[in-house]
Amino acid sequence: MCVTWIFGSYKLGKSRIVDQELLPRIRARYDEGAKNITDLNETWKSQGFSAKERSKMAFIEREKIMDETRGMMTEQFSKDSIQLREFLKYGNPKGATYDQLVAKNIEKGLRGEAVYEAIIVSASRTNASVNATLLPKK
């Protein structure tokens, strides 16, 4: 129950431990970086990379963005909380592995290039409900 409260508070940006002024800027950078993967994918596609190669590059790019934005966090508790959440959900403090994403898409019934295209799409997508809570309204 305590873990649920920590993550619920963190997700809503209401934890007293999370820097309230910094969190929206961190989230904006994360969202911007993830959306940029769509443009990178188009570049990679024009350079002749296969869907599988592009999905690996998109996965790596997303990990870089996560590392960068987590590095912007001033509170170690915030970083540890995210890593704990990822570990509990995926068994890995950095989140789902590339192989886990491939397996998940195959379990969904995807085959061939569709497996890899789905990884690219998911790498460029962020959580809309977290964005709605943390990002300024437009």
Protein backbone atom coordinates (compact mmCIF):
# COMPACT_ATOMS: atom_id res chain seq x y z
CA MET A 1 0.00 0.00 0.00
CA CYS A 2 2.84 2.41 0.78
CA VAL A 3 4.36 1.84 -2.66
CA THR A 4 1.00 2.61 -4.29
CA TRP A 5 0.74 5.89 -2.37
CA ILE A 6 4.26 6.91 -3.35
CA PHE A 7 3.64 6.26 -7.03
CA GLY A 8 0.15 7.73 -6.98
CA SER A 9 1.47 10.90 -5.42
CA TYR A 10 4.44 11.02 -7.76
CA LYS A 11 2.33 10.43 -10.86
CA LEU A 12 0.06 13.28 -9.91
CA GLY A 13 2.97 15.56 -9.12
CA LYS A 14 1.71 16.02 -5.58
CA SER A 15 4.51 14.39 -3.63
CA ARG A 16 6.19 16.84 -1.26
CA ILE A 17 9.49 15.18 -2.09
CA VAL A 18 9.39 15.92 -5.82
CA ASP A 19 10.56 19.39 -6.85
CA GLN A 20 7.27 20.93 -7.97
CA GLU A 21 8.83 23.63 -10.13
CA LEU A 22 11.32 21.35 -11.85
CA LEU A 23 9.00 18.44 -12.56
CA PRO A 24 7.01 20.13 -15.39
CA ARG A 25 10.26 21.11 -17.15
CA ILE A 26 11.60 17.59 -16.83
CA ARG A 27 8.35 16.14 -18.16
CA ALA A 28 8.32 18.60 -21.07
CA ARG A 29 11.86 17.57 -22.02
CA TYR A 30 10.90 13.90 -21.78
CA ASP A 31 7.81 14.43 -23.94
CA GLU A 32 9.75 16.49 -26.50
CA GLY A 33 12.52 13.89 -26.70
CA ALA A 34 10.10 11.02 -27.17
CA LYS A 35 8.18 12.85 -29.89
CA ASN A 36 11.47 13.57 -31.68
CA ILE A 37 11.85 9.82 -32.19
CA THR A 38 9.18 10.06 -34.91
CA ASP A 39 11.39 12.45 -36.89
CA LEU A 40 14.47 10.34 -36.26
CA ASN A 41 12.59 7.29 -37.52
CA GLU A 42 11.77 9.05 -40.78
CA THR A 43 15.44 9.94 -41.20
CA TRP A 44 16.51 6.37 -40.47
CA LYS A 45 13.90 5.07 -42.89
CA SER A 46 15.20 7.36 -45.65
CA GLN A 47 18.70 6.07 -44.93
CA GLY A 48 17.54 2.52 -45.66
CA PHE A 49 17.46 1.03 -42.17
CA SER A 50 15.12 -1.94 -41.70
CA ALA A 51 12.18 -1.83 -39.29
CA LYS A 52 14.10 -4.06 -36.87
CA GLU A 53 17.18 -1.79 -36.96
CA ARG A 54 15.04 1.32 -36.54
CA SER A 55 13.18 -0.22 -33.60
CA LYS A 56 16.48 -0.92 -31.84
CA MET A 57 17.66 2.64 -32.51
CA ALA A 58 14.33 4.06 -31.26
CA PHE A 59 14.57 1.91 -28.13
CA ILE A 60 18.12 3.15 -27.45
CA GLU A 61 17.09 6.76 -28.08
CA ARG A 62 14.19 6.43 -25.63
CA GLU A 63 16.56 5.01 -23.00
CA LYS A 64 18.88 7.99 -23.53
CA ILE A 65 15.96 10.38 -23.02
CA MET A 66 14.91 8.55 -19.84
CA ASP A 67 18.48 8.67 -18.50
CA GLU A 68 18.79 12.37 -19.36
CA THR A 69 15.53 13.40 -17.73
CA ARG A 70 16.07 11.23 -14.66
CA GLY A 71 19.46 12.89 -14.35
CA MET A 72 17.67 16.25 -14.20
CA MET A 73 15.81 15.20 -11.06
CA THR A 74 17.20 16.82 -7.94
CA GLU A 75 15.77 14.37 -5.44
CA GLN A 76 17.31 10.91 -5.24
CA PHE A 77 13.99 9.66 -3.87
CA SER A 78 12.30 10.57 -7.16
CA LYS A 79 14.87 8.62 -9.16
CA ASP A 80 14.69 5.66 -6.80
CA SER A 81 10.89 5.66 -6.91
CA ILE A 82 10.85 5.45 -10.70
CA GLN A 83 13.43 2.69 -10.70
CA LEU A 84 11.44 0.76 -8.11
CA ARG A 85 8.26 1.13 -10.18
CA GLU A 86 10.07 -0.10 -13.30
CA PHE A 87 11.61 -3.01 -11.43
CA LEU A 88 8.26 -4.07 -9.98
CA LYS A 89 6.56 -3.82 -13.36
CA TYR A 90 9.29 -5.17 -15.67
CA GLY A 91 11.92 -6.80 -13.45
CA ASN A 92 14.42 -4.17 -14.60
CA PRO A 93 15.04 -0.76 -12.95
CA LYS A 94 15.36 0.86 -16.40
CA GLY A 95 11.99 -0.45 -17.62
CA ALA A 96 11.06 -2.99 -20.25
CA THR A 97 13.94 -4.49 -22.20
CA TYR A 98 13.96 -4.57 -25.98
CA ASP A 99 13.36 -8.33 -25.92
CA GLN A 100 10.39 -7.86 -23.58
CA LEU A 101 8.85 -5.38 -26.01
CA VAL A 102 9.34 -7.76 -28.93
CA ALA A 103 7.73 -10.60 -26.94
CA LYS A 104 4.84 -8.35 -25.85
CA ASN A 105 4.08 -7.39 -29.44
CA ILE A 106 4.24 -11.00 -30.61
CA GLU A 107 1.84 -11.95 -27.78
CA LYS A 108 -0.52 -9.26 -29.12
CA GLY A 109 -0.53 -11.13 -32.42
CA LEU A 110 1.80 -8.87 -34.37
CA ARG A 111 4.15 -10.48 -36.88
CA GLY A 112 7.07 -9.43 -39.05
CA GLU A 113 7.78 -5.73 -39.41
CA ALA A 114 4.63 -4.85 -37.45
CA VAL A 115 6.39 -6.07 -34.27
CA TYR A 116 9.18 -3.55 -34.81
CA GLU A 117 7.00 -0.70 -36.05
CA ALA A 118 4.97 -1.00 -32.83
CA ILE A 119 8.17 -0.57 -30.79
CA ILE A 120 9.01 2.58 -32.74
CA VAL A 121 5.53 4.00 -32.15
CA SER A 122 5.62 3.19 -28.45
CA ALA A 123 9.09 4.74 -28.10
CA SER A 124 7.73 8.03 -29.41
CA ARG A 125 4.63 8.03 -27.20
CA THR A 126 4.42 9.28 -23.61
CA ASN A 127 1.69 8.84 -21.01
CA ALA A 128 -1.06 11.33 -21.86
CA SER A 129 -2.58 11.34 -18.35
CA VAL A 130 0.79 12.13 -16.74
CA ASN A 131 1.35 14.86 -19.35
CA ALA A 132 -2.08 16.33 -18.64
CA THR A 133 -1.22 16.52 -14.95
CA LEU A 134 2.33 17.82 -15.21
CA LEU A 135 2.53 19.90 -18.38
CA PRO A 136 1.10 23.41 -18.61
CA LYS A 137 -2.26 23.63 -20.33
CA LYS A 138 -2.09 25.00 -23.86
